[in-house]
Amino acid sequence: MIQFTVPGAVQAQERPRFSRMGKGVRTHDAPKSRNYKELVKLVAWENKPLEPIQESIRLEVDVFIVPPKKYHTKPKQALIASGELRPTTKPDLDNLVKGIKDGCTKIIWHDDAQIVEMVVRKFYGMQPRAEVKVLSI
């Protein structure tokens, strides 16, 4: 099992940008998405196995998002602490996990097609972060 935390606000994967090159079109990541993937790569590199995992993988990601100011009251904080109050707004879970998956590819695992099970959850938390757990199955 490999477990690590990516500090800071999780950046949802943005739509790719397009630019013309001669007669062709080139795609590239938006700057925010690219920077977040670089942060994930750095943290993944610090926690990497000797060789990238080759087996099937179960990926678990808990994303912690700072609650809006209207939730900074004691009753709302109690609901957040108990897990009863969770984020139901954008960004979507699948967009949040894409940058993490891309950042771990070729470092933690060989290809993200190896992920056969995935659990991704959003929580409120005063310290924004993503807690990642990778299990070979």
C-alpha atoms as a PDB file:
ATOM      1  CA  MET A   1       0.000   0.000   0.000  1.00  0.00           C
ATOM      2  CA  ILE A   2       1.212   3.503  -0.835  1.00  0.00           C
ATOM      3  CA  GLN A   3      -0.325   6.433   0.979  1.00  0.00           C
ATOM      4  CA  PHE A   4       0.416  10.147   0.664  1.00  0.00           C
ATOM      5  CA  THR A   5      -1.152  13.602   0.954  1.00  0.00           C
ATOM      6  CA  VAL A   6      -1.070  16.280  -1.721  1.00  0.00           C
ATOM      7  CA  PRO A   7      -1.271  19.616   0.137  1.00  0.00           C
ATOM      8  CA  GLY A   8      -3.313  22.584  -1.004  1.00  0.00           C
ATOM      9  CA  ALA A   9      -6.517  23.000  -2.944  1.00  0.00           C
ATOM     10  CA  VAL A  10      -7.189  20.214  -5.423  1.00  0.00           C
ATOM     11  CA  GLN A  11      -7.338  21.609  -8.941  1.00  0.00           C
ATOM     12  CA  ALA A  12     -10.054  20.155 -11.147  1.00  0.00           C
ATOM     13  CA  GLN A  13      -8.907  19.145 -14.614  1.00  0.00           C
ATOM     14  CA  GLU A  14      -9.789  21.955 -16.991  1.00  0.00           C
ATOM     15  CA  ARG A  15     -10.610  21.567 -20.657  1.00  0.00           C
ATOM     16  CA  PRO A  16      -7.528  21.341 -22.874  1.00  0.00           C
ATOM     17  CA  ARG A  17      -6.314  24.424 -24.720  1.00  0.00           C
ATOM     18  CA  PHE A  18      -5.788  24.404 -28.483  1.00  0.00           C
ATOM     19  CA  SER A  19      -3.245  26.295 -30.549  1.00  0.00           C
ATOM     20  CA  ARG A  20      -2.379  26.299 -34.229  1.00  0.00           C
ATOM     21  CA  MET A  21       0.981  25.059 -35.442  1.00  0.00           C
ATOM     22  CA  GLY A  22       1.293  25.558 -39.164  1.00  0.00           C
ATOM     23  CA  LYS A  23      -1.528  23.525 -40.683  1.00  0.00           C
ATOM     24  CA  GLY A  24      -2.087  21.451 -37.537  1.00  0.00           C
ATOM     25  CA  VAL A  25      -3.615  21.966 -34.112  1.00  0.00           C
ATOM     26  CA  ARG A  26      -1.797  21.269 -30.852  1.00  0.00           C
ATOM     27  CA  THR A  27      -3.494  20.573 -27.510  1.00  0.00           C
ATOM     28  CA  HIS A  28      -2.053  21.332 -24.084  1.00  0.00           C
ATOM     29  CA  ASP A  29      -3.167  21.578 -20.461  1.00  0.00           C
ATOM     30  CA  ALA A  30      -4.460  24.812 -19.010  1.00  0.00           C
ATOM     31  CA  PRO A  31      -1.831  26.409 -16.714  1.00  0.00           C
ATOM     32  CA  LYS A  32      -3.685  25.651 -13.438  1.00  0.00           C
ATOM     33  CA  SER A  33      -4.148  21.991 -14.379  1.00  0.00           C
ATOM     34  CA  ARG A  34      -0.523  21.678 -15.493  1.00  0.00           C
ATOM     35  CA  ASN A  35       0.777  23.227 -12.252  1.00  0.00           C
ATOM     36  CA  TYR A  36      -1.367  20.930 -10.103  1.00  0.00           C
ATOM     37  CA  LYS A  37      -0.193  17.839 -12.005  1.00  0.00           C
ATOM     38  CA  GLU A  38       3.412  18.950 -11.392  1.00  0.00           C
ATOM     39  CA  LEU A  39       2.700  19.202  -7.638  1.00  0.00           C
ATOM     40  CA  VAL A  40       1.146  15.715  -7.668  1.00  0.00           C
ATOM     41  CA  LYS A  41       4.203  14.370  -9.540  1.00  0.00           C
ATOM     42  CA  LEU A  42       6.523  15.877  -6.929  1.00  0.00           C
ATOM     43  CA  VAL A  43       4.609  14.322  -4.016  1.00  0.00           C
ATOM     44  CA  ALA A  44       4.234  11.004  -5.870  1.00  0.00           C
ATOM     45  CA  TRP A  45       7.980  10.958  -6.603  1.00  0.00           C
ATOM     46  CA  GLU A  46       8.692  11.295  -2.864  1.00  0.00           C
ATOM     47  CA  ASN A  47       6.461   8.253  -2.185  1.00  0.00           C
ATOM     48  CA  LYS A  48       7.154   6.120  -5.241  1.00  0.00           C
ATOM     49  CA  PRO A  49       7.866   2.390  -5.107  1.00  0.00           C
ATOM     50  CA  LEU A  50      11.155   1.017  -6.459  1.00  0.00           C
ATOM     51  CA  GLU A  51       9.390   0.132  -9.717  1.00  0.00           C
ATOM     52  CA  PRO A  52       5.997   1.408 -10.934  1.00  0.00           C
ATOM     53  CA  ILE A  53       3.181  -0.953  -9.972  1.00  0.00           C
ATOM     54  CA  GLN A  54       2.324  -3.391 -12.790  1.00  0.00           C
ATOM     55  CA  GLU A  55      -0.714  -5.124 -11.203  1.00  0.00           C
ATOM     56  CA  SER A  56      -4.338  -4.085 -10.918  1.00  0.00           C
ATOM     57  CA  ILE A  57      -4.874  -1.115  -8.603  1.00  0.00           C
ATOM     58  CA  ARG A  58      -7.499   0.124  -6.182  1.00  0.00           C
ATOM     59  CA  LEU A  59      -7.275   3.917  -5.864  1.00  0.00           C
ATOM     60  CA  GLU A  60      -8.832   5.767  -2.928  1.00  0.00           C
ATOM     61  CA  VAL A  61      -8.835   9.567  -2.874  1.00  0.00           C
ATOM     62  CA  ASP A  62     -10.359  11.805  -0.202  1.00  0.00           C
ATOM     63  CA  VAL A  63     -10.539  15.447  -1.293  1.00  0.00           C
ATOM     64  CA  PHE A  64     -10.846  18.110   1.400  1.00  0.00           C
ATOM     65  CA  ILE A  65     -12.293  21.479   0.342  1.00  0.00           C
ATOM     66  CA  VAL A  66     -12.397  24.607   2.526  1.00  0.00           C
ATOM     67  CA  PRO A  67     -16.037  25.273   3.427  1.00  0.00           C
ATOM     68  CA  PRO A  68     -17.644  28.580   2.412  1.00  0.00           C
ATOM     69  CA  LYS A  69     -17.811  31.311   5.073  1.00  0.00           C
ATOM     70  CA  LYS A  70     -21.511  30.641   5.682  1.00  0.00           C
ATOM     71  CA  TYR A  71     -20.487  27.258   7.138  1.00  0.00           C
ATOM     72  CA  HIS A  72     -18.069  28.716   9.705  1.00  0.00           C
ATOM     73  CA  THR A  73     -20.708  28.718  12.477  1.00  0.00           C
ATOM     74  CA  LYS A  74     -20.462  26.248  15.361  1.00  0.00           C
ATOM     75  CA  PRO A  75     -23.532  24.205  14.332  1.00  0.00           C
ATOM     76  CA  LYS A  76     -22.296  23.886  10.730  1.00  0.00           C
ATOM     77  CA  GLN A  77     -18.749  23.050  11.905  1.00  0.00           C
ATOM     78  CA  ALA A  78     -20.210  20.263  14.070  1.00  0.00           C
ATOM     79  CA  LEU A  79     -22.037  18.854  11.024  1.00  0.00           C
ATOM     80  CA  ILE A  80     -18.811  19.059   8.992  1.00  0.00           C
ATOM     81  CA  ALA A  81     -16.817  17.306  11.738  1.00  0.00           C
ATOM     82  CA  SER A  82     -19.362  14.481  11.904  1.00  0.00           C
ATOM     83  CA  GLY A  83     -19.340  14.077   8.105  1.00  0.00           C
ATOM     84  CA  GLU A  84     -23.021  14.964   7.767  1.00  0.00           C
ATOM     85  CA  LEU A  85     -22.362  18.132   5.763  1.00  0.00           C
ATOM     86  CA  ARG A  86     -20.425  17.445   2.563  1.00  0.00           C
ATOM     87  CA  PRO A  87     -19.712  19.470  -0.598  1.00  0.00           C
ATOM     88  CA  THR A  88     -22.331  18.976  -3.306  1.00  0.00           C
ATOM     89  CA  THR A  89     -21.170  21.758  -5.600  1.00  0.00           C
ATOM     90  CA  LYS A  90     -18.736  21.796  -8.502  1.00  0.00           C
ATOM     91  CA  PRO A  91     -16.105  20.657  -9.274  1.00  0.00           C
ATOM     92  CA  ASP A  92     -17.222  17.117 -10.023  1.00  0.00           C
ATOM     93  CA  LEU A  93     -15.369  14.186  -8.469  1.00  0.00           C
ATOM     94  CA  ASP A  94     -14.185  12.817 -11.804  1.00  0.00           C
ATOM     95  CA  ASN A  95     -12.573  16.160 -12.700  1.00  0.00           C
ATOM     96  CA  LEU A  96     -10.894  16.358  -9.283  1.00  0.00           C
ATOM     97  CA  VAL A  97      -9.282  12.940  -9.576  1.00  0.00           C
ATOM     98  CA  LYS A  98      -8.009  13.306 -13.177  1.00  0.00           C
ATOM     99  CA  GLY A  99      -5.047  15.490 -12.216  1.00  0.00           C
ATOM    100  CA  ILE A 100      -4.069  13.069  -9.458  1.00  0.00           C
ATOM    101  CA  LYS A 101      -4.267  10.080 -11.803  1.00  0.00           C
ATOM    102  CA  ASP A 102      -2.241  11.855 -14.494  1.00  0.00           C
ATOM    103  CA  GLY A 103       0.361  13.020 -11.973  1.00  0.00           C
ATOM    104  CA  CYS A 104       0.923   9.490 -10.624  1.00  0.00           C
ATOM    105  CA  THR A 105       1.232   7.801 -14.026  1.00  0.00           C
ATOM    106  CA  LYS A 106       4.740   6.460 -14.758  1.00  0.00           C
ATOM    107  CA  ILE A 107       5.729   7.173 -11.121  1.00  0.00           C
ATOM    108  CA  ILE A 108       3.390   5.147  -8.882  1.00  0.00           C
ATOM    109  CA  TRP A 109       1.869   2.951 -11.588  1.00  0.00           C
ATOM    110  CA  HIS A 110       2.690   2.263 -15.218  1.00  0.00           C
ATOM    111  CA  ASP A 111      -0.648   3.368 -16.726  1.00  0.00           C
ATOM    112  CA  ASP A 112      -3.914   4.576 -15.181  1.00  0.00           C
ATOM    113  CA  ALA A 113      -5.742   1.853 -17.132  1.00  0.00           C
ATOM    114  CA  GLN A 114      -4.497  -0.442 -14.325  1.00  0.00           C
ATOM    115  CA  ILE A 115      -7.003   1.186 -11.945  1.00  0.00           C
ATOM    116  CA  VAL A 116      -9.842  -1.322 -11.679  1.00  0.00           C
ATOM    117  CA  GLU A 117     -11.450   0.074  -8.508  1.00  0.00           C
ATOM    118  CA  MET A 118     -11.713   3.678  -7.433  1.00  0.00           C
ATOM    119  CA  VAL A 119     -13.268   5.409  -4.444  1.00  0.00           C
ATOM    120  CA  VAL A 120     -13.275   9.216  -4.540  1.00  0.00           C
ATOM    121  CA  ARG A 121     -14.964  11.286  -1.836  1.00  0.00           C
ATOM    122  CA  LYS A 122     -15.344  15.025  -1.129  1.00  0.00           C
ATOM    123  CA  PHE A 123     -15.287  16.442   2.380  1.00  0.00           C
ATOM    124  CA  TYR A 124     -15.089  19.888   3.903  1.00  0.00           C
ATOM    125  CA  GLY A 125     -11.918  20.625   5.833  1.00  0.00           C
ATOM    126  CA  MET A 126     -10.044  23.707   6.993  1.00  0.00           C
ATOM    127  CA  GLN A 127      -6.815  22.317   5.460  1.00  0.00           C
ATOM    128  CA  PRO A 128      -7.398  21.765   1.717  1.00  0.00           C
ATOM    129  CA  ARG A 129      -5.682  18.607   0.475  1.00  0.00           C
ATOM    130  CA  ALA A 130      -6.062  15.273  -1.264  1.00  0.00           C
ATOM    131  CA  GLU A 131      -5.325  12.089   0.681  1.00  0.00           C
ATOM    132  CA  VAL A 132      -4.342   9.328  -1.735  1.00  0.00           C
ATOM    133  CA  LYS A 133      -4.155   5.592  -1.073  1.00  0.00           C
ATOM    134  CA  VAL A 134      -2.955   3.121  -3.712  1.00  0.00           C
ATOM    135  CA  LEU A 135      -3.424  -0.617  -3.187  1.00  0.00           C
ATOM    136  CA  SER A 136      -2.288  -3.454  -5.450  1.00  0.00           C
ATOM    137  CA  ILE A 137      -5.052  -6.042  -5.854  1.00  0.00           C
END
